[in-house]
Amino acid sequence: MADPRCAILDCRFDLAQPEWGAREYAAGHIPHALYADLDRDLAGAVHAGTGRSSAFRILPSGCEP
């Protein structure tokens, strides 16, 4: 990837089989892509009355592959 501020994330996930996405990523993915687990990397902590929220920040626009 030309811009070090950008990344390709593989976010495959199956709520019924939480480990499925990581297995699929290990079996094959886009070159240089990183795996982001829904529970561990993409969802914030559960708070009473609010559920989960996003735990990640979107990078600035203009990233080019």
C-alpha atoms as a PDB file:
ATOM      1  CA  MET A   1       0.000   0.000   0.000  1.00  0.00           C
ATOM      2  CA  ALA A   2       1.403   3.346  -0.998  1.00  0.00           C
ATOM      3  CA  ASP A   3       0.079   5.392   1.927  1.00  0.00           C
ATOM      4  CA  PRO A   4       1.260   4.144   5.353  1.00  0.00           C
ATOM      5  CA  ARG A   5      -1.768   5.839   6.993  1.00  0.00           C
ATOM      6  CA  CYS A   6      -4.075   3.377   5.231  1.00  0.00           C
ATOM      7  CA  ALA A   7      -4.751  -0.302   5.768  1.00  0.00           C
ATOM      8  CA  ILE A   8      -6.944  -2.958   4.231  1.00  0.00           C
ATOM      9  CA  LEU A   9      -8.894  -4.720   6.965  1.00  0.00           C
ATOM     10  CA  ASP A  10     -10.390  -8.166   6.609  1.00  0.00           C
ATOM     11  CA  CYS A  11     -13.422  -8.114   8.912  1.00  0.00           C
ATOM     12  CA  ARG A  12     -15.081 -11.413   8.037  1.00  0.00           C
ATOM     13  CA  PHE A  13     -17.124 -12.566  11.001  1.00  0.00           C
ATOM     14  CA  ASP A  14     -19.901 -15.022  11.806  1.00  0.00           C
ATOM     15  CA  LEU A  15     -21.832 -14.322  15.011  1.00  0.00           C
ATOM     16  CA  ALA A  16     -22.578 -18.044  15.371  1.00  0.00           C
ATOM     17  CA  GLN A  17     -18.890 -18.982  14.928  1.00  0.00           C
ATOM     18  CA  PRO A  18     -16.734 -16.079  16.206  1.00  0.00           C
ATOM     19  CA  GLU A  19     -13.457 -17.818  15.294  1.00  0.00           C
ATOM     20  CA  TRP A  20     -14.501 -18.404  11.653  1.00  0.00           C
ATOM     21  CA  GLY A  21     -13.203 -15.068  10.317  1.00  0.00           C
ATOM     22  CA  ALA A  22      -9.712 -15.514  11.744  1.00  0.00           C
ATOM     23  CA  ARG A  23      -9.549 -19.035  10.283  1.00  0.00           C
ATOM     24  CA  GLU A  24     -10.619 -17.768   6.861  1.00  0.00           C
ATOM     25  CA  TYR A  25      -8.089 -14.926   7.050  1.00  0.00           C
ATOM     26  CA  ALA A  26      -5.332 -17.420   7.900  1.00  0.00           C
ATOM     27  CA  ALA A  27      -6.398 -19.570   4.933  1.00  0.00           C
ATOM     28  CA  GLY A  28      -6.052 -16.650   2.521  1.00  0.00           C
ATOM     29  CA  HIS A  29      -6.549 -12.915   2.229  1.00  0.00           C
ATOM     30  CA  ILE A  30      -5.711  -9.855   0.138  1.00  0.00           C
ATOM     31  CA  PRO A  31      -1.938  -9.243   0.240  1.00  0.00           C
ATOM     32  CA  HIS A  32      -0.935  -6.978   3.169  1.00  0.00           C
ATOM     33  CA  ALA A  33      -4.466  -7.016   4.631  1.00  0.00           C
ATOM     34  CA  LEU A  34      -4.801  -7.145   8.399  1.00  0.00           C
ATOM     35  CA  TYR A  35      -7.456  -9.125  10.239  1.00  0.00           C
ATOM     36  CA  ALA A  36      -9.769  -7.154  12.533  1.00  0.00           C
ATOM     37  CA  ASP A  37     -11.879  -9.241  14.899  1.00  0.00           C
ATOM     38  CA  LEU A  38     -15.379  -7.883  15.538  1.00  0.00           C
ATOM     39  CA  ASP A  39     -15.336  -8.593  19.280  1.00  0.00           C
ATOM     40  CA  ARG A  40     -11.698  -7.794  20.009  1.00  0.00           C
ATOM     41  CA  ASP A  41     -10.890  -4.971  17.578  1.00  0.00           C
ATOM     42  CA  LEU A  42     -14.018  -3.336  16.171  1.00  0.00           C
ATOM     43  CA  ALA A  43     -16.576  -3.186  18.974  1.00  0.00           C
ATOM     44  CA  GLY A  44     -16.241  -1.194  22.151  1.00  0.00           C
ATOM     45  CA  ALA A  45     -17.144  -2.395  25.607  1.00  0.00           C
ATOM     46  CA  VAL A  46     -20.770  -3.092  26.449  1.00  0.00           C
ATOM     47  CA  HIS A  47     -22.293  -0.404  28.664  1.00  0.00           C
ATOM     48  CA  ALA A  48     -25.560  -0.723  30.558  1.00  0.00           C
ATOM     49  CA  GLY A  49     -28.368   0.670  28.437  1.00  0.00           C
ATOM     50  CA  THR A  50     -26.216   1.499  25.423  1.00  0.00           C
ATOM     51  CA  GLY A  51     -24.981  -1.813  24.040  1.00  0.00           C
ATOM     52  CA  ARG A  52     -21.779  -1.751  22.030  1.00  0.00           C
ATOM     53  CA  SER A  53     -20.222   1.075  20.120  1.00  0.00           C
ATOM     54  CA  SER A  54     -17.490   1.379  17.546  1.00  0.00           C
ATOM     55  CA  ALA A  55     -13.982   1.069  18.963  1.00  0.00           C
ATOM     56  CA  PHE A  56     -12.104   2.276  15.890  1.00  0.00           C
ATOM     57  CA  ARG A  57     -11.342   5.586  14.252  1.00  0.00           C
ATOM     58  CA  ILE A  58     -11.713   6.132  10.517  1.00  0.00           C
ATOM     59  CA  LEU A  59      -8.563   7.430   8.867  1.00  0.00           C
ATOM     60  CA  PRO A  60      -8.537  10.691   6.948  1.00  0.00           C
ATOM     61  CA  SER A  61      -9.845  10.552   3.408  1.00  0.00           C
ATOM     62  CA  GLY A  62      -7.433  10.488   0.517  1.00  0.00           C
ATOM     63  CA  CYS A  63      -5.809   7.123   1.227  1.00  0.00           C
ATOM     64  CA  GLU A  64      -4.868   5.424  -2.016  1.00  0.00           C
ATOM     65  CA  PRO A  65      -4.062   1.707  -2.339  1.00  0.00           C
END
